[in-house]
Amino acid sequence: MDENEQNKNKRPVNNYLKFTGMGFQMIGIIGLFSFAGYKIDESASHHTKWVTAILSLTGVFVSLYLVIRSIKE
């Protein structure tokens, strides 16, 4: 096998790992932002968990931005 054929065989696996990693990255970012919002709401004794909701949405937007930016590369 020459080098071109080896690269063609590895490409789908690399893409699969790349996109799987992005999913875990999104889960981590959203989870971190949500946890921070939960702790802030808990320490401030808020009855309505607005900080959790706002930081969770912020985490979603940040993670989507990072995924879109990495797909463009």
PDB file of N, CA and C in Angstrom:
ATOM      1  N   MET A   1       0.840  -1.187   0.000  1.00  0.00           N
ATOM      2  CA  MET A   1       0.000   0.000   0.000  1.00  0.00           C
ATOM      3  C   MET A   1       0.882   1.247   0.000  1.00  0.00           C
ATOM      4  N   ASP A   2       0.527   2.198  -0.793  1.00  0.00           N
ATOM      5  CA  ASP A   2       1.299   3.424  -0.760  1.00  0.00           C
ATOM      6  C   ASP A   2       0.720   4.383   0.282  1.00  0.00           C
ATOM      7  N   GLU A   3       1.368   5.508   0.445  1.00  0.00           N
ATOM      8  CA  GLU A   3       1.006   6.446   1.508  1.00  0.00           C
ATOM      9  C   GLU A   3      -0.377   7.068   1.303  1.00  0.00           C
ATOM     10  N   ASN A   4      -0.786   7.311   0.054  1.00  0.00           N
ATOM     11  CA  ASN A   4      -2.100   7.885  -0.247  1.00  0.00           C
ATOM     12  C   ASN A   4      -3.228   6.982   0.229  1.00  0.00           C
ATOM     13  N   GLU A   5      -3.119   5.706   0.007  1.00  0.00           N
ATOM     14  CA  GLU A   5      -4.160   4.765   0.413  1.00  0.00           C
ATOM     15  C   GLU A   5      -4.260   4.674   1.931  1.00  0.00           C
ATOM     16  N   GLN A   6      -3.130   4.771   2.614  1.00  0.00           N
ATOM     17  CA  GLN A   6      -3.148   4.735   4.070  1.00  0.00           C
ATOM     18  C   GLN A   6      -3.840   5.978   4.623  1.00  0.00           C
ATOM     19  N   ASN A   7      -3.601   7.140   4.039  1.00  0.00           N
ATOM     20  CA  ASN A   7      -4.239   8.374   4.495  1.00  0.00           C
ATOM     21  C   ASN A   7      -5.739   8.337   4.259  1.00  0.00           C
ATOM     22  N   LYS A   8      -6.185   7.752   3.143  1.00  0.00           N
ATOM     23  CA  LYS A   8      -7.616   7.649   2.859  1.00  0.00           C
ATOM     24  C   LYS A   8      -8.312   6.755   3.883  1.00  0.00           C
ATOM     25  N   ASN A   9      -7.657   5.706   4.317  1.00  0.00           N
ATOM     26  CA  ASN A   9      -8.239   4.798   5.304  1.00  0.00           C
ATOM     27  C   ASN A   9      -8.307   5.426   6.684  1.00  0.00           C
ATOM     28  N   LYS A  10      -7.390   6.299   7.024  1.00  0.00           N
ATOM     29  CA  LYS A  10      -7.359   6.914   8.348  1.00  0.00           C
ATOM     30  C   LYS A  10      -8.294   8.115   8.452  1.00  0.00           C
ATOM     31  N   ARG A  11      -8.619   8.752   7.365  1.00  0.00           N
ATOM     32  CA  ARG A  11      -9.399   9.987   7.387  1.00  0.00           C
ATOM     33  C   ARG A  11     -10.765   9.843   8.062  1.00  0.00           C
ATOM     34  N   PRO A  12     -11.600   8.843   7.759  1.00  0.00           N
ATOM     35  CA  PRO A  12     -12.900   8.726   8.432  1.00  0.00           C
ATOM     36  C   PRO A  12     -12.772   8.513   9.934  1.00  0.00           C
ATOM     37  N   VAL A  13     -11.767   7.779  10.353  1.00  0.00           N
ATOM     38  CA  VAL A  13     -11.564   7.564  11.784  1.00  0.00           C
ATOM     39  C   VAL A  13     -11.180   8.869  12.454  1.00  0.00           C
ATOM     40  N   ASN A  14     -10.304   9.642  11.834  1.00  0.00           N
ATOM     41  CA  ASN A  14      -9.902  10.928  12.408  1.00  0.00           C
ATOM     42  C   ASN A  14     -11.085  11.876  12.503  1.00  0.00           C
ATOM     43  N   ASN A  15     -11.944  11.920  11.478  1.00  0.00           N
ATOM     44  CA  ASN A  15     -13.122  12.776  11.526  1.00  0.00           C
ATOM     45  C   ASN A  15     -14.078  12.325  12.623  1.00  0.00           C
ATOM     46  N   TYR A  16     -14.242  11.019  12.767  1.00  0.00           N
ATOM     47  CA  TYR A  16     -15.121  10.491  13.813  1.00  0.00           C
ATOM     48  C   TYR A  16     -14.610  10.913  15.191  1.00  0.00           C
ATOM     49  N   LEU A  17     -13.330  10.773  15.429  1.00  0.00           N
ATOM     50  CA  LEU A  17     -12.755  11.166  16.717  1.00  0.00           C
ATOM     51  C   LEU A  17     -12.848  12.668  16.934  1.00  0.00           C
ATOM     52  N   LYS A  18     -12.663  13.426  15.863  1.00  0.00           N
ATOM     53  CA  LYS A  18     -12.745  14.888  15.969  1.00  0.00           C
ATOM     54  C   LYS A  18     -14.147  15.325  16.400  1.00  0.00           C
ATOM     55  N   PHE A  19     -15.171  14.776  15.739  1.00  0.00           N
ATOM     56  CA  PHE A  19     -16.536  15.189  16.058  1.00  0.00           C
ATOM     57  C   PHE A  19     -17.010  14.615  17.393  1.00  0.00           C
ATOM     58  N   THR A  20     -16.533  13.450  17.765  1.00  0.00           N
ATOM     59  CA  THR A  20     -16.855  12.905  19.086  1.00  0.00           C
ATOM     60  C   THR A  20     -16.254  13.785  20.170  1.00  0.00           C
ATOM     61  N   GLY A  21     -15.027  14.221  19.948  1.00  0.00           N
ATOM     62  CA  GLY A  21     -14.378  15.118  20.898  1.00  0.00           C
ATOM     63  C   GLY A  21     -15.118  16.432  21.044  1.00  0.00           C
ATOM     64  N   MET A  22     -15.656  16.935  19.938  1.00  0.00           N
ATOM     65  CA  MET A  22     -16.440  18.175  19.997  1.00  0.00           C
ATOM     66  C   MET A  22     -17.689  18.003  20.853  1.00  0.00           C
ATOM     67  N   GLY A  23     -18.322  16.839  20.745  1.00  0.00           N
ATOM     68  CA  GLY A  23     -19.503  16.573  21.563  1.00  0.00           C
ATOM     69  C   GLY A  23     -19.179  16.577  23.042  1.00  0.00           C
ATOM     70  N   PHE A  24     -18.081  15.921  23.399  1.00  0.00           N
ATOM     71  CA  PHE A  24     -17.671  15.911  24.802  1.00  0.00           C
ATOM     72  C   PHE A  24     -17.261  17.306  25.267  1.00  0.00           C
ATOM     73  N   GLN A  25     -16.659  18.069  24.381  1.00  0.00           N
ATOM     74  CA  GLN A  25     -16.289  19.439  24.713  1.00  0.00           C
ATOM     75  C   GLN A  25     -17.546  20.269  25.001  1.00  0.00           C
ATOM     76  N   MET A  26     -18.580  20.113  24.177  1.00  0.00           N
ATOM     77  CA  MET A  26     -19.827  20.837  24.389  1.00  0.00           C
ATOM     78  C   MET A  26     -20.454  20.454  25.723  1.00  0.00           C
ATOM     79  N   ILE A  27     -20.488  19.143  26.022  1.00  0.00           N
ATOM     80  CA  ILE A  27     -21.056  18.675  27.285  1.00  0.00           C
ATOM     81  C   ILE A  27     -20.296  19.279  28.461  1.00  0.00           C
ATOM     82  N   GLY A  28     -18.974  19.302  28.362  1.00  0.00           N
ATOM     83  CA  GLY A  28     -18.156  19.844  29.438  1.00  0.00           C
ATOM     84  C   GLY A  28     -18.389  21.326  29.662  1.00  0.00           C
ATOM     85  N   ILE A  29     -18.438  22.089  28.588  1.00  0.00           N
ATOM     86  CA  ILE A  29     -18.625  23.542  28.707  1.00  0.00           C
ATOM     87  C   ILE A  29     -20.000  23.866  29.274  1.00  0.00           C
ATOM     88  N   ILE A  30     -21.038  23.238  28.731  1.00  0.00           N
ATOM     89  CA  ILE A  30     -22.389  23.507  29.206  1.00  0.00           C
ATOM     90  C   ILE A  30     -22.533  23.062  30.665  1.00  0.00           C
ATOM     91  N   GLY A  31     -21.961  21.914  30.989  1.00  0.00           N
ATOM     92  CA  GLY A  31     -22.012  21.428  32.364  1.00  0.00           C
ATOM     93  C   GLY A  31     -21.298  22.348  33.336  1.00  0.00           C
ATOM     94  N   LEU A  32     -20.132  22.859  32.934  1.00  0.00           N
ATOM     95  CA  LEU A  32     -19.373  23.764  33.789  1.00  0.00           C
ATOM     96  C   LEU A  32     -20.136  25.066  34.034  1.00  0.00           C
ATOM     97  N   PHE A  33     -20.705  25.640  32.976  1.00  0.00           N
ATOM     98  CA  PHE A  33     -21.469  26.873  33.126  1.00  0.00           C
ATOM     99  C   PHE A  33     -22.721  26.640  33.980  1.00  0.00           C
ATOM    100  N   SER A  34     -23.395  25.519  33.773  1.00  0.00           N
ATOM    101  CA  SER A  34     -24.601  25.217  34.546  1.00  0.00           C
ATOM    102  C   SER A  34     -24.266  25.008  36.016  1.00  0.00           C
ATOM    103  N   PHE A  35     -23.183  24.296  36.282  1.00  0.00           N
ATOM    104  CA  PHE A  35     -22.770  24.056  37.659  1.00  0.00           C
ATOM    105  C   PHE A  35     -22.417  25.362  38.364  1.00  0.00           C
ATOM    106  N   ALA A  36     -21.709  26.253  37.651  1.00  0.00           N
ATOM    107  CA  ALA A  36     -21.363  27.556  38.230  1.00  0.00           C
ATOM    108  C   ALA A  36     -22.627  28.354  38.550  1.00  0.00           C
ATOM    109  N   GLY A  37     -23.594  28.352  37.630  1.00  0.00           N
ATOM    110  CA  GLY A  37     -24.852  29.059  37.880  1.00  0.00           C
ATOM    111  C   GLY A  37     -25.619  28.466  39.048  1.00  0.00           C
ATOM    112  N   TYR A  38     -25.609  27.133  39.147  1.00  0.00           N
ATOM    113  CA  TYR A  38     -26.284  26.458  40.261  1.00  0.00           C
ATOM    114  C   TYR A  38     -25.650  26.859  41.588  1.00  0.00           C
ATOM    115  N   LYS A  39     -24.326  26.867  41.637  1.00  0.00           N
ATOM    116  CA  LYS A  39     -23.640  27.227  42.881  1.00  0.00           C
ATOM    117  C   LYS A  39     -23.889  28.690  43.253  1.00  0.00           C
ATOM    118  N   ILE A  40     -23.930  29.577  42.261  1.00  0.00           N
ATOM    119  CA  ILE A  40     -24.219  30.987  42.539  1.00  0.00           C
ATOM    120  C   ILE A  40     -25.632  31.138  43.076  1.00  0.00           C
ATOM    121  N   ASP A  41     -26.599  30.483  42.442  1.00  0.00           N
ATOM    122  CA  ASP A  41     -27.983  30.539  42.927  1.00  0.00           C
ATOM    123  C   ASP A  41     -28.107  29.947  44.317  1.00  0.00           C
ATOM    124  N   GLU A  42     -27.388  28.875  44.564  1.00  0.00           N
ATOM    125  CA  GLU A  42     -27.448  28.223  45.872  1.00  0.00           C
ATOM    126  C   GLU A  42     -26.860  29.122  46.966  1.00  0.00           C
ATOM    127  N   SER A  43     -25.736  29.765  46.680  1.00  0.00           N
ATOM    128  CA  SER A  43     -25.101  30.607  47.690  1.00  0.00           C
ATOM    129  C   SER A  43     -25.880  31.893  47.922  1.00  0.00           C
ATOM    130  N   ALA A  44     -26.599  32.377  46.910  1.00  0.00           N
ATOM    131  CA  ALA A  44     -27.380  33.607  47.053  1.00  0.00           C
ATOM    132  C   ALA A  44     -28.803  33.322  47.508  1.00  0.00           C
ATOM    133  N   SER A  45     -29.172  32.062  47.650  1.00  0.00           N
ATOM    134  CA  SER A  45     -30.509  31.642  48.101  1.00  0.00           C
ATOM    135  C   SER A  45     -31.626  32.203  47.228  1.00  0.00           C
ATOM    136  N   HIS A  46     -31.429  32.155  45.919  1.00  0.00           N
ATOM    137  CA  HIS A  46     -32.473  32.594  45.000  1.00  0.00           C
ATOM    138  C   HIS A  46     -33.581  31.547  44.945  1.00  0.00           C
ATOM    139  N   HIS A  47     -34.835  32.015  44.939  1.00  0.00           N
ATOM    140  CA  HIS A  47     -35.958  31.089  44.807  1.00  0.00           C
ATOM    141  C   HIS A  47     -36.118  30.649  43.353  1.00  0.00           C
ATOM    142  N   THR A  48     -35.933  31.582  42.439  1.00  0.00           N
ATOM    143  CA  THR A  48     -35.965  31.275  41.007  1.00  0.00           C
ATOM    144  C   THR A  48     -34.532  31.184  40.517  1.00  0.00           C
ATOM    145  N   LYS A  49     -34.207  30.135  39.821  1.00  0.00           N
ATOM    146  CA  LYS A  49     -32.823  29.862  39.412  1.00  0.00           C
ATOM    147  C   LYS A  49     -32.468  30.579  38.108  1.00  0.00           C
ATOM    148  N   TRP A  50     -32.492  31.918  38.132  1.00  0.00           N
ATOM    149  CA  TRP A  50     -32.219  32.700  36.934  1.00  0.00           C
ATOM    150  C   TRP A  50     -30.760  32.634  36.525  1.00  0.00           C
ATOM    151  N   VAL A  51     -29.867  32.650  37.484  1.00  0.00           N
ATOM    152  CA  VAL A  51     -28.439  32.631  37.157  1.00  0.00           C
ATOM    153  C   VAL A  51     -28.078  31.303  36.485  1.00  0.00           C
ATOM    154  N   THR A  52     -28.656  30.210  36.980  1.00  0.00           N
ATOM    155  CA  THR A  52     -28.421  28.910  36.367  1.00  0.00           C
ATOM    156  C   THR A  52     -28.906  28.904  34.918  1.00  0.00           C
ATOM    157  N   ALA A  53     -30.083  29.441  34.689  1.00  0.00           N
ATOM    158  CA  ALA A  53     -30.642  29.475  33.339  1.00  0.00           C
ATOM    159  C   ALA A  53     -29.788  30.341  32.407  1.00  0.00           C
ATOM    160  N   ILE A  54     -29.378  31.497  32.874  1.00  0.00           N
ATOM    161  CA  ILE A  54     -28.589  32.413  32.041  1.00  0.00           C
ATOM    162  C   ILE A  54     -27.221  31.820  31.729  1.00  0.00           C
ATOM    163  N   LEU A  55     -26.563  31.259  32.734  1.00  0.00           N
ATOM    164  CA  LEU A  55     -25.245  30.680  32.490  1.00  0.00           C
ATOM    165  C   LEU A  55     -25.327  29.404  31.657  1.00  0.00           C
ATOM    166  N   SER A  56     -26.407  28.652  31.786  1.00  0.00           N
ATOM    167  CA  SER A  56     -26.577  27.467  30.939  1.00  0.00           C
ATOM    168  C   SER A  56     -26.701  27.869  29.475  1.00  0.00           C
ATOM    169  N   LEU A  57     -27.509  28.872  29.200  1.00  0.00           N
ATOM    170  CA  LEU A  57     -27.645  29.369  27.823  1.00  0.00           C
ATOM    171  C   LEU A  57     -26.340  29.959  27.308  1.00  0.00           C
ATOM    172  N   THR A  58     -25.611  30.651  28.175  1.00  0.00           N
ATOM    173  CA  THR A  58     -24.313  31.184  27.793  1.00  0.00           C
ATOM    174  C   THR A  58     -23.365  30.042  27.426  1.00  0.00           C
ATOM    175  N   GLY A  59     -23.401  28.964  28.198  1.00  0.00           N
ATOM    176  CA  GLY A  59     -22.578  27.794  27.894  1.00  0.00           C
ATOM    177  C   GLY A  59     -22.932  27.177  26.556  1.00  0.00           C
ATOM    178  N   VAL A  60     -24.223  27.131  26.238  1.00  0.00           N
ATOM    179  CA  VAL A  60     -24.654  26.596  24.938  1.00  0.00           C
ATOM    180  C   VAL A  60     -24.102  27.450  23.806  1.00  0.00           C
ATOM    181  N   PHE A  61     -24.218  28.763  23.934  1.00  0.00           N
ATOM    182  CA  PHE A  61     -23.741  29.645  22.878  1.00  0.00           C
ATOM    183  C   PHE A  61     -22.223  29.601  22.739  1.00  0.00           C
ATOM    184  N   VAL A  62     -21.509  29.543  23.852  1.00  0.00           N
ATOM    185  CA  VAL A  62     -20.044  29.460  23.808  1.00  0.00           C
ATOM    186  C   VAL A  62     -19.618  28.159  23.138  1.00  0.00           C
ATOM    187  N   SER A  63     -20.255  27.053  23.519  1.00  0.00           N
ATOM    188  CA  SER A  63     -19.868  25.768  22.934  1.00  0.00           C
ATOM    189  C   SER A  63     -20.216  25.701  21.445  1.00  0.00           C
ATOM    190  N   LEU A  64     -21.347  26.259  21.047  1.00  0.00           N
ATOM    191  CA  LEU A  64     -21.682  26.302  19.617  1.00  0.00           C
ATOM    192  C   LEU A  64     -20.692  27.155  18.840  1.00  0.00           C
ATOM    193  N   TYR A  65     -20.289  28.270  19.417  1.00  0.00           N
ATOM    194  CA  TYR A  65     -19.293  29.128  18.776  1.00  0.00           C
ATOM    195  C   TYR A  65     -17.993  28.366  18.560  1.00  0.00           C
ATOM    196  N   LEU A  66     -17.539  27.650  19.590  1.00  0.00           N
ATOM    197  CA  LEU A  66     -16.287  26.894  19.474  1.00  0.00           C
ATOM    198  C   LEU A  66     -16.396  25.773  18.436  1.00  0.00           C
ATOM    199  N   VAL A  67     -17.539  25.106  18.378  1.00  0.00           N
ATOM    200  CA  VAL A  67     -17.723  24.040  17.397  1.00  0.00           C
ATOM    201  C   VAL A  67     -17.736  24.611  15.980  1.00  0.00           C
ATOM    202  N   ILE A  68     -18.462  25.673  15.764  1.00  0.00           N
ATOM    203  CA  ILE A  68     -18.522  26.290  14.427  1.00  0.00           C
ATOM    204  C   ILE A  68     -17.155  26.780  14.005  1.00  0.00           C
ATOM    205  N   ARG A  69     -16.428  27.392  14.940  1.00  0.00           N
ATOM    206  CA  ARG A  69     -15.087  27.872  14.621  1.00  0.00           C
ATOM    207  C   ARG A  69     -14.144  26.720  14.261  1.00  0.00           C
ATOM    208  N   SER A  70     -14.252  25.611  14.972  1.00  0.00           N
ATOM    209  CA  SER A  70     -13.356  24.495  14.684  1.00  0.00           C
ATOM    210  C   SER A  70     -13.744  23.765  13.390  1.00  0.00           C
ATOM    211  N   ILE A  71     -15.026  23.796  13.025  1.00  0.00           N
ATOM    212  CA  ILE A  71     -15.456  23.164  11.764  1.00  0.00           C
ATOM    213  C   ILE A  71     -14.945  23.984  10.571  1.00  0.00           C
ATOM    214  N   LYS A  72     -14.911  25.309  10.705  1.00  0.00           N
ATOM    215  CA  LYS A  72     -14.416  26.166   9.623  1.00  0.00           C
ATOM    216  C   LYS A  72     -12.949  25.915   9.332  1.00  0.00           C
ATOM    217  N   GLU A  73     -12.200  25.497  10.340  1.00  0.00           N
ATOM    218  CA  GLU A  73     -10.769  25.234  10.147  1.00  0.00           C
ATOM    219  C   GLU A  73     -10.649  23.968   9.421  1.00  0.00           C
TER     220      GLU A  73
END
